Amino acid sequence: MKIGHLPPSKVDNTTPQSETEKISKTKVRDKQIKTEFVSVDFSDTSRIIKKAIEKSKELPEIRKDKVDAIKAKLKNNSYSVTPERIAEKMLEEIMEEIHYSRK
C-alpha cells in the first residue's frame, strides 16, 4: 500500500520524543546556569567616581565668585598672567590626560 508519493527518506525525518525532551531540558538547564552566576561587584574606584560625579552636579557650572574676582582685576589692570604660567598649566593638563588615558 502506498501513502502519498514522497520517497521514504523524506517522510522519516522526525526526532523521537525522548530526544526532543533531552534537547529542550538541556537548553533550559543551560539558561539556568547562565543566569545563576551573574553578579556585579563595583570597585572602590567606581564608588569614588560615582560620589565625585554626584558632588559635581551639586556645584554651579560657573563659579561666579572666581569670575567676579577676575573681572575686577581686569578692570583695575591688576590681572597679570605670564606666558610661562599659561604654558605650565597647559603642560599639566596634557600630562594629566596622558596619565588617565593609560589606565
N, C-alpha and C. Protein backbone atom coordinates (compact mmCIF):
# COMPACT_ATOMS: atom_id res chain seq x y z
N MET A 1 0.83 -1.17 0.00
CA MET A 1 0.00 0.00 0.00
C MET A 1 0.89 1.24 0.00
N LYS A 2 0.58 2.20 -0.87
CA LYS A 2 1.32 3.43 -0.99
C LYS A 2 0.57 4.56 -0.30
N ILE A 3 1.31 5.38 0.49
CA ILE A 3 0.69 6.57 1.09
C ILE A 3 1.43 7.76 0.51
N GLY A 4 0.75 8.53 -0.25
CA GLY A 4 1.36 9.70 -0.87
C GLY A 4 2.38 9.29 -1.92
N HIS A 5 3.11 10.27 -2.44
CA HIS A 5 4.07 9.98 -3.48
C HIS A 5 5.49 10.42 -3.09
N LEU A 6 5.77 10.63 -1.80
CA LEU A 6 7.11 11.00 -1.35
C LEU A 6 7.95 9.77 -1.08
N PRO A 7 9.24 9.82 -1.39
CA PRO A 7 10.11 8.68 -1.08
C PRO A 7 10.26 8.55 0.44
N PRO A 8 10.57 7.34 0.94
CA PRO A 8 10.67 7.11 2.38
C PRO A 8 11.67 8.02 3.10
N SER A 9 12.74 8.44 2.44
CA SER A 9 13.73 9.29 3.11
C SER A 9 13.15 10.65 3.49
N LYS A 10 12.21 11.17 2.73
CA LYS A 10 11.60 12.46 3.03
C LYS A 10 10.53 12.35 4.10
N VAL A 11 9.92 11.20 4.21
CA VAL A 11 8.83 11.01 5.17
C VAL A 11 9.39 10.79 6.57
N ASP A 12 10.50 10.07 6.70
CA ASP A 12 11.00 9.67 8.01
C ASP A 12 12.13 10.59 8.49
N ASN A 13 11.86 11.88 8.68
CA ASN A 13 12.87 12.76 9.26
C ASN A 13 12.36 13.39 10.56
N THR A 14 11.77 12.58 11.38
CA THR A 14 11.26 13.05 12.68
C THR A 14 12.23 12.65 13.78
N THR A 15 12.19 13.37 14.88
CA THR A 15 13.02 13.05 16.04
C THR A 15 12.14 12.39 17.07
N PRO A 16 12.60 11.30 17.64
CA PRO A 16 11.79 10.66 18.68
C PRO A 16 11.54 11.63 19.83
N GLN A 17 10.43 11.47 20.51
CA GLN A 17 10.02 12.40 21.56
C GLN A 17 11.07 12.48 22.68
N SER A 18 11.67 11.37 23.03
CA SER A 18 12.65 11.39 24.10
C SER A 18 13.86 12.26 23.74
N GLU A 19 14.28 12.25 22.47
CA GLU A 19 15.39 13.10 22.03
C GLU A 19 15.01 14.58 22.13
N THR A 20 13.80 14.92 21.71
CA THR A 20 13.32 16.29 21.78
C THR A 20 13.28 16.77 23.22
N GLU A 21 12.82 15.93 24.12
CA GLU A 21 12.76 16.29 25.53
C GLU A 21 14.16 16.54 26.08
N LYS A 22 15.13 15.71 25.69
CA LYS A 22 16.50 15.89 26.15
C LYS A 22 17.06 17.23 25.70
N ILE A 23 16.82 17.56 24.44
CA ILE A 23 17.32 18.82 23.89
C ILE A 23 16.71 20.00 24.62
N SER A 24 15.39 20.00 24.82
CA SER A 24 14.75 21.14 25.47
C SER A 24 15.18 21.25 26.93
N LYS A 25 15.36 20.11 27.63
CA LYS A 25 15.82 20.15 29.01
C LYS A 25 17.24 20.71 29.09
N THR A 26 18.08 20.35 28.14
CA THR A 26 19.45 20.86 28.11
C THR A 26 19.45 22.36 27.90
N LYS A 27 18.61 22.85 26.99
CA LYS A 27 18.53 24.29 26.73
C LYS A 27 18.09 25.03 27.99
N VAL A 28 17.09 24.51 28.67
CA VAL A 28 16.59 25.14 29.89
C VAL A 28 17.68 25.14 30.95
N ARG A 29 18.38 24.03 31.12
CA ARG A 29 19.43 23.93 32.12
C ARG A 29 20.56 24.92 31.81
N ASP A 30 20.93 25.04 30.52
CA ASP A 30 21.98 25.99 30.13
C ASP A 30 21.58 27.42 30.47
N LYS A 31 20.32 27.76 30.23
CA LYS A 31 19.85 29.11 30.55
C LYS A 31 19.90 29.35 32.05
N GLN A 32 19.53 28.35 32.84
CA GLN A 32 19.55 28.49 34.29
C GLN A 32 20.98 28.69 34.78
N ILE A 33 21.90 27.95 34.23
CA ILE A 33 23.30 28.07 34.65
C ILE A 33 23.82 29.46 34.33
N LYS A 34 23.50 29.96 33.17
CA LYS A 34 23.98 31.28 32.78
C LYS A 34 23.43 32.37 33.69
N THR A 35 22.20 32.28 34.10
CA THR A 35 21.62 33.33 34.93
C THR A 35 21.94 33.18 36.40
N GLU A 36 22.28 31.99 36.85
CA GLU A 36 22.57 31.79 38.26
C GLU A 36 23.87 32.45 38.68
N PHE A 37 24.85 32.57 37.81
CA PHE A 37 26.16 33.05 38.18
C PHE A 37 26.43 34.49 37.76
N VAL A 38 25.40 35.25 37.51
CA VAL A 38 25.58 36.64 37.14
C VAL A 38 25.65 37.47 38.42
N SER A 39 26.78 38.15 38.60
CA SER A 39 26.91 39.04 39.75
C SER A 39 27.75 40.24 39.35
N VAL A 40 27.50 41.36 39.99
CA VAL A 40 28.21 42.58 39.69
C VAL A 40 28.86 43.07 40.97
N ASP A 41 30.13 43.41 40.87
CA ASP A 41 30.86 43.91 42.02
C ASP A 41 31.55 45.21 41.61
N PHE A 42 31.16 46.30 42.25
CA PHE A 42 31.76 47.59 41.92
C PHE A 42 33.01 47.79 42.76
N SER A 43 34.04 48.28 42.12
CA SER A 43 35.30 48.51 42.83
C SER A 43 35.21 49.79 43.65
N ASP A 44 36.15 49.96 44.55
CA ASP A 44 36.20 51.18 45.35
C ASP A 44 36.37 52.40 44.45
N THR A 45 37.15 52.25 43.39
CA THR A 45 37.37 53.36 42.47
C THR A 45 36.08 53.80 41.83
N SER A 46 35.25 52.85 41.40
CA SER A 46 33.99 53.22 40.76
C SER A 46 33.05 53.90 41.75
N ARG A 47 33.09 53.48 43.01
CA ARG A 47 32.26 54.14 44.03
C ARG A 47 32.73 55.58 44.26
N ILE A 48 34.04 55.78 44.29
CA ILE A 48 34.59 57.13 44.47
C ILE A 48 34.21 58.01 43.29
N ILE A 49 34.31 57.47 42.09
CA ILE A 49 33.94 58.23 40.88
C ILE A 49 32.47 58.60 40.92
N LYS A 50 31.63 57.67 41.33
CA LYS A 50 30.20 57.94 41.40
C LYS A 50 29.92 59.07 42.39
N LYS A 51 30.57 59.04 43.56
CA LYS A 51 30.39 60.11 44.55
C LYS A 51 30.86 61.45 44.01
N ALA A 52 32.00 61.44 43.30
CA ALA A 52 32.54 62.68 42.73
C ALA A 52 31.58 63.26 41.70
N ILE A 53 30.99 62.41 40.89
CA ILE A 53 30.02 62.88 39.89
C ILE A 53 28.81 63.49 40.57
N GLU A 54 28.32 62.83 41.62
CA GLU A 54 27.17 63.36 42.35
C GLU A 54 27.49 64.72 42.97
N LYS A 55 28.68 64.85 43.57
CA LYS A 55 29.09 66.12 44.18
C LYS A 55 29.23 67.21 43.12
N SER A 56 29.79 66.85 41.96
CA SER A 56 29.99 67.85 40.91
C SER A 56 28.66 68.38 40.38
N LYS A 57 27.63 67.55 40.43
CA LYS A 57 26.30 68.00 39.98
C LYS A 57 25.71 69.03 40.94
N GLU A 58 26.15 69.01 42.20
CA GLU A 58 25.66 69.96 43.19
C GLU A 58 26.31 71.34 43.03
N LEU A 59 27.51 71.37 42.44
CA LEU A 59 28.23 72.63 42.27
C LEU A 59 27.68 73.40 41.08
N PRO A 60 27.77 74.73 41.15
CA PRO A 60 27.34 75.52 39.99
C PRO A 60 28.30 75.30 38.83
N GLU A 61 27.79 75.41 37.62
CA GLU A 61 28.63 75.19 36.45
C GLU A 61 29.70 76.27 36.34
N ILE A 62 29.33 77.50 36.68
CA ILE A 62 30.27 78.62 36.64
C ILE A 62 30.42 79.15 38.06
N ARG A 63 31.66 79.25 38.51
CA ARG A 63 31.91 79.77 39.85
C ARG A 63 31.93 81.29 39.79
N LYS A 64 30.79 81.86 40.09
CA LYS A 64 30.60 83.31 39.96
C LYS A 64 31.61 84.10 40.78
N ASP A 65 31.95 83.63 41.98
CA ASP A 65 32.91 84.36 42.81
C ASP A 65 34.27 84.49 42.13
N LYS A 66 34.72 83.43 41.48
CA LYS A 66 36.01 83.48 40.78
C LYS A 66 35.93 84.40 39.56
N VAL A 67 34.83 84.30 38.82
CA VAL A 67 34.66 85.12 37.63
C VAL A 67 34.63 86.60 38.02
N ASP A 68 33.89 86.92 39.07
CA ASP A 68 33.80 88.32 39.52
C ASP A 68 35.16 88.85 39.97
N ALA A 69 35.94 88.03 40.66
CA ALA A 69 37.27 88.46 41.12
C ALA A 69 38.18 88.75 39.93
N ILE A 70 38.14 87.91 38.92
CA ILE A 70 38.98 88.13 37.74
C ILE A 70 38.51 89.36 36.97
N LYS A 71 37.20 89.54 36.86
CA LYS A 71 36.67 90.73 36.17
C LYS A 71 37.12 92.01 36.87
N ALA A 72 37.10 91.99 38.20
CA ALA A 72 37.53 93.17 38.96
C ALA A 72 39.00 93.46 38.71
N LYS A 73 39.83 92.43 38.70
CA LYS A 73 41.26 92.61 38.43
C LYS A 73 41.50 93.13 37.02
N LEU A 74 40.71 92.63 36.05
CA LEU A 74 40.85 93.10 34.67
C LEU A 74 40.50 94.58 34.56
N LYS A 75 39.47 95.01 35.28
CA LYS A 75 39.06 96.42 35.26
C LYS A 75 40.15 97.31 35.83
N ASN A 76 40.80 96.83 36.88
CA ASN A 76 41.84 97.63 37.55
C ASN A 76 43.21 97.46 36.90
N ASN A 77 43.29 96.70 35.85
CA ASN A 77 44.57 96.38 35.20
C ASN A 77 45.55 95.72 36.17
N SER A 78 45.03 94.96 37.11
CA SER A 78 45.92 94.28 38.07
C SER A 78 45.97 92.77 37.83
N TYR A 79 45.30 92.32 36.79
CA TYR A 79 45.31 90.88 36.48
C TYR A 79 46.44 90.61 35.51
N SER A 80 47.39 89.82 35.94
CA SER A 80 48.50 89.51 35.04
C SER A 80 48.79 88.02 35.06
N VAL A 81 48.93 87.49 33.88
CA VAL A 81 49.29 86.09 33.73
C VAL A 81 50.47 86.05 32.76
N THR A 82 51.52 85.39 33.19
CA THR A 82 52.70 85.30 32.33
C THR A 82 52.54 84.16 31.33
N PRO A 83 53.19 84.29 30.19
CA PRO A 83 53.13 83.19 29.22
C PRO A 83 53.67 81.89 29.80
N GLU A 84 54.66 82.00 30.70
CA GLU A 84 55.21 80.80 31.34
C GLU A 84 54.14 80.07 32.16
N ARG A 85 53.35 80.84 32.88
CA ARG A 85 52.29 80.24 33.71
C ARG A 85 51.23 79.56 32.83
N ILE A 86 50.89 80.17 31.72
CA ILE A 86 49.92 79.58 30.78
C ILE A 86 50.48 78.27 30.22
N ALA A 87 51.74 78.30 29.79
CA ALA A 87 52.38 77.10 29.23
C ALA A 87 52.47 76.00 30.29
N GLU A 88 52.80 76.40 31.52
CA GLU A 88 52.91 75.44 32.62
C GLU A 88 51.57 74.73 32.86
N LYS A 89 50.51 75.51 32.90
CA LYS A 89 49.17 74.95 33.13
C LYS A 89 48.75 74.04 31.98
N MET A 90 49.07 74.44 30.75
CA MET A 90 48.73 73.60 29.60
C MET A 90 49.45 72.26 29.67
N LEU A 91 50.74 72.29 30.03
CA LEU A 91 51.50 71.05 30.15
C LEU A 91 50.98 70.16 31.27
N GLU A 92 50.58 70.77 32.39
CA GLU A 92 50.00 69.99 33.50
C GLU A 92 48.76 69.23 33.03
N GLU A 93 47.89 69.93 32.30
CA GLU A 93 46.65 69.30 31.83
C GLU A 93 46.94 68.20 30.82
N ILE A 94 47.91 68.41 29.95
CA ILE A 94 48.27 67.38 28.97
C ILE A 94 48.81 66.14 29.68
N MET A 95 49.66 66.36 30.68
CA MET A 95 50.22 65.23 31.43
C MET A 95 49.13 64.46 32.17
N GLU A 96 48.15 65.17 32.73
CA GLU A 96 47.03 64.50 33.40
C GLU A 96 46.24 63.65 32.41
N GLU A 97 45.98 64.20 31.23
CA GLU A 97 45.24 63.44 30.21
C GLU A 97 46.00 62.18 29.80
N ILE A 98 47.30 62.30 29.63
CA ILE A 98 48.12 61.14 29.26
C ILE A 98 48.08 60.10 30.37
N HIS A 99 48.20 60.57 31.60
CA HIS A 99 48.20 59.66 32.75
C HIS A 99 46.87 58.90 32.84
N TYR A 100 45.75 59.60 32.68
CA TYR A 100 44.45 58.94 32.81
C TYR A 100 44.10 58.09 31.60
N SER A 101 44.64 58.42 30.43
CA SER A 101 44.33 57.61 29.25
C SER A 101 45.07 56.27 29.28
N ARG A 102 46.13 56.17 30.06
CA ARG A 102 46.89 54.91 30.15
C ARG A 102 46.24 53.93 31.11
N LYS A 103 45.36 54.39 31.95
CA LYS A 103 44.73 53.49 32.93
C LYS A 103 43.63 52.70 32.33
